[in-house]
Amino acid sequence: MIQFHCSYQWDDGSKDAWKGTVNQIIHFGSHYEVLILSRSSLRVLVGQSTSGLFACLPDFSVGCHLSTLNDTFYNSEKLIHALDNAVDGTTVAYALKALASVLNFRND
């Protein structure tokens, strides 16, 4: 289990912070399935294509391209837009950052 912290600043200037955990990581060879528990339960498929990294959340029928796993700014923007949910998008971005040294993708 990997724990991580999240934070988000709302449009009105107020800030919010919360914790999350990565409870499961399954490597399928071509991609990873990651179970994130926080304010929501989020199952994320993370993989690599010729266009770079991507994340899909089949339970929400969404997906998007990612930057590096450490790039919480870009990734949270993309995930928030895809999910239409600031808390869940931010949570996934911070979980991916916590997994940057665990998930191995080719750097071709």
N, C-alpha and C. Protein backbone atom coordinates (compact mmCIF):
# COMPACT_ATOMS: atom_id res chain seq x y z
N MET A 1 0.84 -1.18 0.00
CA MET A 1 0.00 0.00 0.00
C MET A 1 0.89 1.24 0.00
N ILE A 2 0.62 2.16 -0.91
CA ILE A 2 1.38 3.40 -1.04
C ILE A 2 0.46 4.56 -0.69
N GLN A 3 0.88 5.38 0.26
CA GLN A 3 0.09 6.53 0.68
C GLN A 3 0.62 7.79 0.00
N PHE A 4 -0.28 8.74 -0.24
CA PHE A 4 0.11 10.00 -0.86
C PHE A 4 -0.84 11.10 -0.37
N HIS A 5 -0.43 12.35 -0.56
CA HIS A 5 -1.23 13.52 -0.17
C HIS A 5 -1.62 14.29 -1.42
N CYS A 6 -2.80 14.87 -1.40
CA CYS A 6 -3.32 15.67 -2.51
C CYS A 6 -3.69 17.06 -2.01
N SER A 7 -3.64 18.03 -2.91
CA SER A 7 -4.13 19.36 -2.59
C SER A 7 -4.67 20.00 -3.87
N TYR A 8 -5.65 20.89 -3.68
CA TYR A 8 -6.28 21.57 -4.80
C TYR A 8 -6.72 22.95 -4.35
N GLN A 9 -6.50 23.94 -5.22
CA GLN A 9 -6.98 25.29 -4.93
C GLN A 9 -8.18 25.57 -5.83
N TRP A 10 -9.30 25.86 -5.20
CA TRP A 10 -10.55 26.13 -5.91
C TRP A 10 -10.52 27.52 -6.52
N ASP A 11 -11.42 27.79 -7.43
CA ASP A 11 -11.48 29.08 -8.12
C ASP A 11 -11.68 30.25 -7.16
N ASP A 12 -12.34 30.01 -6.02
CA ASP A 12 -12.57 31.09 -5.05
C ASP A 12 -11.36 31.34 -4.14
N GLY A 13 -10.25 30.60 -4.38
CA GLY A 13 -9.02 30.77 -3.60
C GLY A 13 -8.90 29.85 -2.41
N SER A 14 -9.97 29.19 -2.03
CA SER A 14 -9.88 28.26 -0.90
C SER A 14 -9.11 27.01 -1.32
N LYS A 15 -8.46 26.40 -0.35
CA LYS A 15 -7.64 25.22 -0.61
C LYS A 15 -8.22 24.01 0.11
N ASP A 16 -7.98 22.87 -0.48
CA ASP A 16 -8.47 21.61 0.07
C ASP A 16 -7.31 20.62 0.05
N ALA A 17 -7.21 19.78 1.05
CA ALA A 17 -6.16 18.76 1.11
C ALA A 17 -6.77 17.45 1.62
N TRP A 18 -6.26 16.34 1.11
CA TRP A 18 -6.75 15.03 1.52
C TRP A 18 -5.68 13.98 1.25
N LYS A 19 -5.89 12.80 1.77
CA LYS A 19 -4.95 11.70 1.62
C LYS A 19 -5.56 10.62 0.73
N GLY A 20 -4.70 9.82 0.16
CA GLY A 20 -5.14 8.68 -0.63
C GLY A 20 -4.16 7.54 -0.49
N THR A 21 -4.58 6.37 -0.93
CA THR A 21 -3.70 5.20 -0.94
C THR A 21 -3.86 4.45 -2.26
N VAL A 22 -2.76 3.91 -2.71
CA VAL A 22 -2.79 2.97 -3.82
C VAL A 22 -2.84 1.60 -3.18
N ASN A 23 -3.94 0.90 -3.35
CA ASN A 23 -4.15 -0.38 -2.67
C ASN A 23 -3.79 -1.58 -3.52
N GLN A 24 -3.71 -1.39 -4.84
CA GLN A 24 -3.42 -2.53 -5.70
C GLN A 24 -2.76 -2.05 -6.98
N ILE A 25 -1.73 -2.77 -7.41
CA ILE A 25 -1.08 -2.52 -8.68
C ILE A 25 -0.93 -3.88 -9.37
N ILE A 26 -1.49 -3.99 -10.55
CA ILE A 26 -1.35 -5.23 -11.33
C ILE A 26 -0.69 -4.87 -12.65
N HIS A 27 0.42 -5.55 -12.94
CA HIS A 27 1.13 -5.32 -14.20
C HIS A 27 0.70 -6.37 -15.21
N PHE A 28 0.15 -5.93 -16.32
CA PHE A 28 -0.33 -6.84 -17.37
C PHE A 28 0.65 -6.95 -18.53
N GLY A 29 1.85 -6.43 -18.36
CA GLY A 29 2.84 -6.47 -19.42
C GLY A 29 2.77 -5.23 -20.29
N SER A 30 1.61 -4.95 -20.86
CA SER A 30 1.44 -3.79 -21.72
C SER A 30 0.91 -2.57 -20.97
N HIS A 31 0.34 -2.78 -19.79
CA HIS A 31 -0.23 -1.69 -19.01
C HIS A 31 -0.35 -2.12 -17.55
N TYR A 32 -0.68 -1.16 -16.71
CA TYR A 32 -0.91 -1.41 -15.29
C TYR A 32 -2.36 -1.10 -14.94
N GLU A 33 -2.87 -1.85 -14.00
CA GLU A 33 -4.17 -1.54 -13.41
C GLU A 33 -3.90 -1.12 -11.98
N VAL A 34 -4.38 0.05 -11.59
CA VAL A 34 -4.10 0.63 -10.28
C VAL A 34 -5.41 0.93 -9.58
N LEU A 35 -5.54 0.46 -8.34
CA LEU A 35 -6.72 0.77 -7.53
C LEU A 35 -6.33 1.85 -6.52
N ILE A 36 -7.03 2.98 -6.60
CA ILE A 36 -6.77 4.13 -5.73
C ILE A 36 -7.97 4.31 -4.82
N LEU A 37 -7.70 4.42 -3.51
CA LEU A 37 -8.76 4.70 -2.55
C LEU A 37 -8.49 6.05 -1.92
N SER A 38 -9.47 6.92 -1.98
CA SER A 38 -9.38 8.24 -1.38
C SER A 38 -10.80 8.68 -1.08
N ARG A 39 -11.20 9.83 -1.56
CA ARG A 39 -12.60 10.24 -1.39
C ARG A 39 -13.52 9.40 -2.27
N SER A 40 -12.94 8.82 -3.30
CA SER A 40 -13.63 7.88 -4.18
C SER A 40 -12.76 6.65 -4.33
N SER A 41 -13.33 5.61 -4.89
CA SER A 41 -12.56 4.43 -5.28
C SER A 41 -12.37 4.53 -6.79
N LEU A 42 -11.12 4.56 -7.23
CA LEU A 42 -10.81 4.81 -8.63
C LEU A 42 -9.93 3.69 -9.18
N ARG A 43 -10.38 3.02 -10.22
CA ARG A 43 -9.59 2.00 -10.90
C ARG A 43 -9.07 2.64 -12.19
N VAL A 44 -7.74 2.70 -12.31
CA VAL A 44 -7.10 3.40 -13.42
C VAL A 44 -6.22 2.42 -14.19
N LEU A 45 -6.36 2.43 -15.51
CA LEU A 45 -5.45 1.70 -16.38
C LEU A 45 -4.44 2.70 -16.92
N VAL A 46 -3.15 2.40 -16.73
CA VAL A 46 -2.09 3.31 -17.15
C VAL A 46 -1.20 2.55 -18.13
N GLY A 47 -0.94 3.19 -19.27
CA GLY A 47 -0.13 2.54 -20.28
C GLY A 47 0.65 3.53 -21.10
N GLN A 48 1.33 2.98 -22.11
CA GLN A 48 2.14 3.81 -22.99
C GLN A 48 1.80 3.47 -24.44
N SER A 49 1.73 4.52 -25.26
CA SER A 49 1.49 4.36 -26.69
C SER A 49 2.57 5.15 -27.42
N THR A 50 2.48 5.19 -28.73
CA THR A 50 3.44 5.98 -29.49
C THR A 50 3.28 7.47 -29.21
N SER A 51 2.15 7.87 -28.65
CA SER A 51 1.91 9.27 -28.29
C SER A 51 2.31 9.59 -26.87
N GLY A 52 2.80 8.62 -26.13
CA GLY A 52 3.21 8.83 -24.75
C GLY A 52 2.34 8.04 -23.78
N LEU A 53 2.34 8.47 -22.54
CA LEU A 53 1.56 7.78 -21.50
C LEU A 53 0.09 8.16 -21.59
N PHE A 54 -0.76 7.26 -21.08
CA PHE A 54 -2.19 7.54 -21.04
C PHE A 54 -2.78 6.91 -19.79
N ALA A 55 -3.94 7.42 -19.40
CA ALA A 55 -4.71 6.86 -18.29
C ALA A 55 -6.15 6.69 -18.76
N CYS A 56 -6.73 5.56 -18.42
CA CYS A 56 -8.13 5.30 -18.71
C CYS A 56 -8.83 4.90 -17.42
N LEU A 57 -10.02 5.40 -17.24
CA LEU A 57 -10.85 5.03 -16.10
C LEU A 57 -12.14 4.45 -16.67
N PRO A 58 -12.14 3.15 -16.96
CA PRO A 58 -13.30 2.52 -17.63
C PRO A 58 -14.61 2.68 -16.87
N ASP A 59 -14.57 2.71 -15.55
CA ASP A 59 -15.80 2.86 -14.77
C ASP A 59 -16.47 4.21 -15.02
N PHE A 60 -15.69 5.19 -15.50
CA PHE A 60 -16.21 6.53 -15.78
C PHE A 60 -16.27 6.81 -17.28
N SER A 61 -15.89 5.82 -18.09
CA SER A 61 -15.88 5.95 -19.56
C SER A 61 -15.03 7.12 -20.04
N VAL A 62 -13.83 7.30 -19.41
CA VAL A 62 -12.95 8.40 -19.79
C VAL A 62 -11.51 7.93 -19.91
N GLY A 63 -10.73 8.73 -20.61
CA GLY A 63 -9.30 8.50 -20.73
C GLY A 63 -8.64 9.76 -21.25
N CYS A 64 -7.32 9.85 -21.09
CA CYS A 64 -6.58 11.00 -21.60
C CYS A 64 -5.10 10.67 -21.67
N HIS A 65 -4.38 11.48 -22.42
CA HIS A 65 -2.93 11.38 -22.45
C HIS A 65 -2.36 12.03 -21.20
N LEU A 66 -1.16 11.60 -20.84
CA LEU A 66 -0.46 12.12 -19.68
C LEU A 66 0.90 12.64 -20.08
N SER A 67 1.47 13.45 -19.22
CA SER A 67 2.87 13.84 -19.32
C SER A 67 3.67 12.76 -18.57
N THR A 68 4.80 13.11 -18.01
CA THR A 68 5.51 12.16 -17.15
C THR A 68 4.66 11.92 -15.91
N LEU A 69 4.88 10.82 -15.23
CA LEU A 69 4.08 10.51 -14.04
C LEU A 69 4.29 11.53 -12.93
N ASN A 70 5.42 12.21 -12.92
CA ASN A 70 5.70 13.23 -11.89
C ASN A 70 5.03 14.57 -12.13
N ASP A 71 4.48 14.78 -13.31
CA ASP A 71 3.93 16.09 -13.69
C ASP A 71 2.48 16.23 -13.21
N THR A 72 2.30 16.58 -11.94
CA THR A 72 0.96 16.68 -11.39
C THR A 72 0.17 17.84 -11.99
N PHE A 73 0.84 18.90 -12.41
CA PHE A 73 0.11 20.05 -12.98
C PHE A 73 -0.58 19.65 -14.29
N TYR A 74 0.19 19.17 -15.26
CA TYR A 74 -0.38 18.80 -16.55
C TYR A 74 -1.36 17.65 -16.41
N ASN A 75 -0.96 16.61 -15.69
CA ASN A 75 -1.80 15.42 -15.56
C ASN A 75 -3.11 15.73 -14.85
N SER A 76 -3.06 16.55 -13.81
CA SER A 76 -4.32 16.87 -13.12
C SER A 76 -5.23 17.69 -14.03
N GLU A 77 -4.68 18.61 -14.81
CA GLU A 77 -5.51 19.38 -15.75
C GLU A 77 -6.22 18.46 -16.74
N LYS A 78 -5.49 17.51 -17.32
CA LYS A 78 -6.06 16.58 -18.29
C LYS A 78 -7.10 15.67 -17.63
N LEU A 79 -6.77 15.14 -16.45
CA LEU A 79 -7.67 14.22 -15.75
C LEU A 79 -8.92 14.92 -15.23
N ILE A 80 -8.77 16.13 -14.73
CA ILE A 80 -9.93 16.91 -14.27
C ILE A 80 -10.88 17.15 -15.44
N HIS A 81 -10.32 17.51 -16.58
CA HIS A 81 -11.15 17.75 -17.76
C HIS A 81 -11.86 16.45 -18.19
N ALA A 82 -11.13 15.35 -18.22
CA ALA A 82 -11.72 14.07 -18.66
C ALA A 82 -12.81 13.60 -17.70
N LEU A 83 -12.54 13.70 -16.41
CA LEU A 83 -13.49 13.22 -15.40
C LEU A 83 -14.57 14.24 -15.07
N ASP A 84 -14.33 15.50 -15.40
CA ASP A 84 -15.21 16.59 -15.00
C ASP A 84 -15.39 16.60 -13.48
N ASN A 85 -14.26 16.35 -12.78
CA ASN A 85 -14.28 16.26 -11.33
C ASN A 85 -12.89 16.63 -10.81
N ALA A 86 -12.79 17.78 -10.13
CA ALA A 86 -11.48 18.27 -9.67
C ALA A 86 -10.84 17.36 -8.64
N VAL A 87 -11.63 16.85 -7.71
CA VAL A 87 -11.06 16.02 -6.64
C VAL A 87 -10.54 14.70 -7.20
N ASP A 88 -11.33 14.01 -8.01
CA ASP A 88 -10.90 12.72 -8.55
C ASP A 88 -9.73 12.88 -9.53
N GLY A 89 -9.77 13.88 -10.38
CA GLY A 89 -8.67 14.12 -11.31
C GLY A 89 -7.37 14.43 -10.59
N THR A 90 -7.44 15.26 -9.57
CA THR A 90 -6.27 15.59 -8.77
C THR A 90 -5.76 14.35 -8.03
N THR A 91 -6.67 13.57 -7.49
CA THR A 91 -6.28 12.36 -6.77
C THR A 91 -5.50 11.41 -7.67
N VAL A 92 -5.99 11.18 -8.87
CA VAL A 92 -5.29 10.27 -9.80
C VAL A 92 -3.92 10.84 -10.14
N ALA A 93 -3.81 12.14 -10.40
CA ALA A 93 -2.52 12.74 -10.73
C ALA A 93 -1.51 12.56 -9.61
N TYR A 94 -1.93 12.77 -8.36
CA TYR A 94 -1.01 12.61 -7.24
C TYR A 94 -0.67 11.14 -6.98
N ALA A 95 -1.61 10.25 -7.24
CA ALA A 95 -1.33 8.81 -7.11
C ALA A 95 -0.29 8.40 -8.14
N LEU A 96 -0.42 8.88 -9.37
CA LEU A 96 0.56 8.55 -10.41
C LEU A 96 1.94 9.08 -10.06
N LYS A 97 2.00 10.26 -9.47
CA LYS A 97 3.29 10.78 -9.02
C LYS A 97 3.90 9.87 -7.96
N ALA A 98 3.08 9.39 -7.03
CA ALA A 98 3.57 8.49 -5.99
C ALA A 98 4.06 7.17 -6.59
N LEU A 99 3.56 6.82 -7.77
CA LEU A 99 3.93 5.56 -8.43
C LEU A 99 5.04 5.72 -9.46
N ALA A 100 5.58 6.91 -9.60
CA ALA A 100 6.56 7.18 -10.66
C ALA A 100 7.77 6.24 -10.60
N SER A 101 8.20 5.87 -9.42
CA SER A 101 9.35 4.97 -9.30
C SER A 101 8.96 3.50 -9.34
N VAL A 102 7.66 3.22 -9.37
CA VAL A 102 7.17 1.84 -9.35
C VAL A 102 6.76 1.37 -10.73
N LEU A 103 6.07 2.23 -11.49
CA LEU A 103 5.60 1.86 -12.83
C LEU A 103 6.72 2.08 -13.82
N ASN A 104 7.05 1.05 -14.58
CA ASN A 104 8.16 1.11 -15.52
C ASN A 104 7.64 1.13 -16.96
N PHE A 105 7.95 2.23 -17.66
CA PHE A 105 7.60 2.36 -19.07
C PHE A 105 8.87 2.61 -19.85
N ARG A 106 8.88 2.18 -21.10
CA ARG A 106 10.04 2.38 -21.97
C ARG A 106 10.19 3.86 -22.29
N ASN A 107 11.41 4.31 -22.45
CA ASN A 107 11.69 5.71 -22.77
C ASN A 107 12.24 5.83 -24.18
N ASP A 108 11.60 5.23 -25.16
CA ASP A 108 12.08 5.29 -26.55
C ASP A 108 11.73 6.61 -27.19
